[in-house]
Protein backbone atom coordinates (compact mmCIF):
# COMPACT_ATOMS: atom_id res chain seq x y z
CA MET A 1 34.23 5.53 48.09
CA ASN A 2 33.65 1.92 48.94
CA GLY A 3 33.74 0.23 52.31
CA GLN A 4 33.58 -3.17 53.96
CA ILE A 5 30.28 -4.18 55.56
CA TYR A 6 30.59 -6.01 58.88
CA SER A 7 28.98 -9.46 58.78
CA GLN A 8 26.35 -8.58 61.41
CA TYR A 9 25.08 -5.67 59.28
CA PHE A 10 25.36 -7.65 56.07
CA THR A 11 23.17 -10.44 57.47
CA ILE A 12 20.52 -7.98 58.75
CA LEU A 13 20.44 -6.15 55.42
CA LYS A 14 20.23 -9.34 53.32
CA GLU A 15 17.36 -10.67 55.45
CA ASN A 16 15.31 -7.46 55.41
CA PHE A 17 15.77 -5.88 52.00
CA PRO A 18 15.22 -7.13 48.47
CA VAL A 19 18.19 -7.91 46.28
CA VAL A 20 18.68 -6.86 42.66
CA VAL A 21 20.21 -9.23 40.12
CA TYR A 22 21.66 -7.59 37.02
CA LYS A 23 21.10 -9.56 33.81
CA ASN A 24 23.18 -7.27 31.60
CA GLU A 25 26.34 -5.22 31.94
CA GLU A 26 25.32 -1.76 33.03
CA ILE A 27 26.87 1.56 33.98
CA VAL A 28 24.81 2.46 37.05
CA THR A 29 26.53 5.76 37.89
CA HIS A 30 28.77 7.95 35.77
CA ARG A 31 31.80 9.81 37.10
CA SER A 32 30.90 13.18 38.66
CA HIS A 33 27.27 12.16 39.22
CA ILE A 34 25.55 11.64 42.57
CA PRO A 35 24.39 8.01 42.78
CA ARG A 36 20.64 7.33 42.91
CA VAL A 37 21.31 4.36 45.19
CA GLY A 38 24.15 2.92 47.24
CA MET A 39 24.92 -0.74 46.66
CA ILE A 40 26.28 -3.59 48.74
CA LEU A 41 27.73 -6.38 46.62
CA ILE A 42 26.43 -9.85 47.49
CA GLU A 43 28.01 -11.74 44.60
CA GLY A 44 29.36 -11.02 41.17
CA GLU A 45 31.46 -8.07 40.07
CA ILE A 46 31.29 -4.30 40.31
CA GLU A 47 34.05 -2.27 38.70
CA LEU A 48 34.97 1.23 39.79
CA ILE A 49 36.49 3.01 36.79
CA LYS A 50 38.62 6.14 37.01
CA THR A 51 40.29 7.82 34.06
CA LYS A 52 43.33 5.53 33.89
CA THR A 53 42.64 2.85 36.49
CA SER A 54 39.90 0.49 37.60
CA THR A 55 39.18 -1.58 40.70
CA LEU A 56 36.90 -4.54 41.28
CA ILE A 57 35.10 -4.58 44.60
CA LYS A 58 34.48 -7.78 46.57
CA PRO A 59 31.33 -9.23 48.12
CA CYS A 60 30.31 -7.50 51.37
CA GLN A 61 31.76 -4.20 50.12
CA SER A 62 29.63 -1.14 49.53
CA VAL A 63 29.81 1.47 46.81
CA GLY A 64 28.11 4.84 46.48
CA ILE A 65 26.60 4.93 49.96
CA ILE A 66 28.76 7.75 51.30
CA GLU A 67 28.30 9.82 48.14
CA LEU A 68 24.54 9.28 48.25
CA TRP A 69 24.32 10.19 51.94
CA ASN A 70 26.44 13.33 51.56
CA LYS A 71 24.99 14.18 48.12
CA THR A 72 28.46 14.38 46.59
CA PRO A 73 29.46 13.22 43.10
CA THR A 74 31.46 10.03 42.65
CA LYS A 75 35.06 10.14 41.48
CA TYR A 76 34.53 7.03 39.34
CA LYS A 77 32.12 5.32 36.99
CA ILE A 78 30.33 2.31 38.51
CA LYS A 79 29.92 -0.68 36.18
CA VAL A 80 27.93 -3.78 37.12
CA PHE A 81 28.45 -7.08 35.28
CA PRO A 82 25.83 -9.70 34.30
CA GLY A 83 24.81 -12.05 37.10
CA THR A 84 25.81 -9.58 39.82
CA THR A 85 23.58 -9.54 42.92
CA VAL A 86 23.42 -6.42 45.10
CA LEU A 87 21.44 -4.86 47.87
CA SER A 88 20.29 -1.53 46.52
CA LEU A 89 19.68 1.14 49.19
CA ASP A 90 18.15 4.50 48.36
CA LEU A 91 18.57 7.57 50.56
CA SER A 92 15.26 7.19 52.41
CA THR A 93 16.13 3.55 53.21
CA LEU A 94 19.56 4.59 54.54
CA LYS A 95 17.98 7.27 56.72
CA SER A 96 15.47 4.74 58.04
CA LEU A 97 18.26 2.26 58.87
CA VAL A 98 20.12 4.95 60.79
CA ASP A 99 16.96 6.13 62.59
CA GLN A 100 16.20 2.55 63.65
CA ASN A 101 19.83 2.05 64.84
CA ILE A 102 20.22 -0.89 62.44
CA ILE A 103 23.32 0.82 61.13
CA ASP A 104 25.08 3.85 62.51
CA GLN A 105 26.45 6.89 60.75
CA CYS A 106 30.00 6.13 61.91
CA HIS A 107 29.97 2.70 60.28
CA PHE A 108 29.61 4.20 56.81
CA SER A 109 31.34 7.48 57.73
CA LEU A 110 28.02 9.19 57.11
CA GLY A 111 27.35 12.79 58.04
């Protein structure tokens, strides 16, 4: 599941966490796997691929965060294209952000 990040959260996250720039096309999570990290797209392209359809997400949208938080498998394969810049958030980072009230569980539909 992907979601829109409000600009106030997006700014805080960009200022406080390192970004990852992908140099090559990469499948970062396969369908039916639990993601290792959730991602927030800063620029570039991330494609969500289901069996017969695919969707491109837009900057400021997140992918994999809800599945990571709830430890549930994705319903799609996540493909990142060259030149894509993302914020990559692991589970301990997400928990820390919630504990510090930087983001809340309701914003991401967590828990």
